[in-house]
Amino acid sequence: MPEKSTQHRATHFPGKQRFELRSGSGEPAVLSYPDRDENIVMDHTYVPAQLRGQGIAAAITRDALLEARRLGWKIVPDCSYVETFILRNPEFADLLAR
């Protein structure tokens, strides 16, 4: 899981229940979550081939977790990338739904 420094920032689209991160004019990286009940289930991350290896998955996940904290959300990481990211970045462990 590359954690390279990046200047990219994800944009939250609540109506689409997803975060997107664009770099250039191509397809965006995406982190999605289904309908909100008590907790937010982060269920999928996708990074297009041309953006892989640049730390984009880490950037979109970090931005999504920071926004979750700002909004007072509790997270269920159903996506293995999000789960591993939180394990490797324990400063986000407080966001996990218990």
Protein backbone atom coordinates (compact mmCIF):
# COMPACT_ATOMS: atom_id res chain seq x y z
CA MET A 1 0.00 0.00 0.00
CA PRO A 2 1.99 3.04 -1.15
CA GLU A 3 1.61 6.03 1.12
CA LYS A 4 3.43 8.54 -1.09
CA SER A 5 2.87 12.19 -0.39
CA THR A 6 0.32 13.71 -2.68
CA GLN A 7 -1.25 17.12 -3.15
CA HIS A 8 -4.51 15.58 -4.29
CA ARG A 9 -7.71 16.08 -2.28
CA ALA A 10 -10.88 14.04 -2.46
CA THR A 11 -14.30 15.62 -2.96
CA HIS A 12 -17.31 14.29 -1.06
CA PHE A 13 -20.50 13.75 -3.06
CA PRO A 14 -23.14 12.94 -0.39
CA GLY A 15 -25.90 12.48 -2.98
CA LYS A 16 -23.83 9.78 -4.69
CA GLN A 17 -22.61 8.38 -1.36
CA ARG A 18 -19.00 8.51 -2.45
CA PHE A 19 -15.75 10.38 -2.43
CA GLU A 20 -13.92 11.08 -5.69
CA LEU A 21 -10.35 12.09 -6.32
CA ARG A 22 -9.41 13.35 -9.75
CA SER A 23 -5.94 13.74 -11.18
CA GLY A 24 -6.04 15.05 -14.70
CA SER A 25 -8.97 14.56 -17.03
CA GLY A 26 -9.40 10.81 -16.71
CA GLU A 27 -11.61 8.59 -14.61
CA PRO A 28 -11.61 9.45 -10.87
CA ALA A 29 -10.55 7.28 -7.96
CA VAL A 30 -13.60 6.43 -5.84
CA LEU A 31 -14.38 5.42 -2.25
CA SER A 32 -18.05 4.49 -1.85
CA TYR A 33 -20.41 3.93 1.04
CA PRO A 34 -24.05 2.72 0.92
CA ASP A 35 -27.07 4.32 2.58
CA ARG A 36 -26.40 5.66 6.03
CA ASP A 37 -28.05 4.10 9.05
CA GLU A 38 -26.27 4.34 12.38
CA ASN A 39 -22.86 3.71 10.84
CA ILE A 40 -21.16 4.38 7.54
CA VAL A 41 -20.05 1.23 5.73
CA MET A 42 -17.06 2.08 3.54
CA ASP A 43 -17.48 -0.77 1.10
CA HIS A 44 -15.30 -0.13 -1.95
CA THR A 45 -12.25 1.74 -3.19
CA TYR A 46 -11.26 1.95 -6.82
CA VAL A 47 -8.21 3.58 -8.40
CA PRO A 48 -7.95 3.64 -12.21
CA ALA A 49 -4.84 2.00 -13.67
CA GLN A 50 -3.26 5.30 -14.74
CA LEU A 51 -3.37 6.59 -11.13
CA ARG A 52 -2.09 3.49 -9.34
CA GLY A 53 1.22 3.57 -7.49
CA GLN A 54 0.91 7.28 -6.66
CA GLY A 55 -0.61 7.05 -3.18
CA ILE A 56 -4.08 7.92 -4.50
CA ALA A 57 -5.88 5.15 -2.57
CA ALA A 58 -4.26 6.37 0.66
CA ALA A 59 -5.15 9.99 -0.12
CA ILE A 60 -8.83 9.32 -0.84
CA THR A 61 -9.12 7.06 2.21
CA ARG A 62 -7.46 9.62 4.50
CA ASP A 63 -9.68 12.42 3.18
CA ALA A 64 -12.82 10.27 3.59
CA LEU A 65 -11.87 9.42 7.17
CA LEU A 66 -11.14 13.06 8.00
CA GLU A 67 -14.56 14.02 6.61
CA ALA A 68 -16.16 11.18 8.60
CA ARG A 69 -14.57 12.58 11.75
CA ARG A 70 -15.77 16.09 10.93
CA LEU A 71 -19.33 14.80 10.41
CA GLY A 72 -19.31 12.63 13.55
CA TRP A 73 -19.67 9.37 11.62
CA LYS A 74 -18.70 5.93 12.89
CA ILE A 75 -17.15 3.66 10.26
CA VAL A 76 -17.56 -0.01 9.39
CA PRO A 77 -14.67 -0.82 7.01
CA ASP A 78 -16.16 -3.43 4.66
CA CYS A 79 -13.41 -2.67 2.13
CA SER A 80 -10.14 -4.45 2.91
CA TYR A 81 -8.11 -1.40 1.86
CA VAL A 82 -9.95 0.89 4.30
CA GLU A 83 -9.62 -1.71 7.07
CA THR A 84 -5.87 -2.09 6.51
CA PHE A 85 -5.42 1.67 6.24
CA ILE A 86 -7.02 2.18 9.67
CA LEU A 87 -4.87 -0.60 11.18
CA ARG A 88 -1.75 1.10 9.80
CA ASN A 89 -2.93 4.57 10.86
CA PRO A 90 -4.25 4.12 14.41
CA GLU A 91 -5.10 7.82 14.68
CA PHE A 92 -8.31 6.84 12.86
CA ALA A 93 -9.20 3.90 15.16
CA ASP A 94 -11.61 6.12 17.12
CA LEU A 95 -13.84 6.24 14.03
CA LEU A 96 -14.53 2.50 14.09
CA ALA A 97 -18.04 1.47 15.08
CA ARG A 98 -17.87 -0.79 18.11
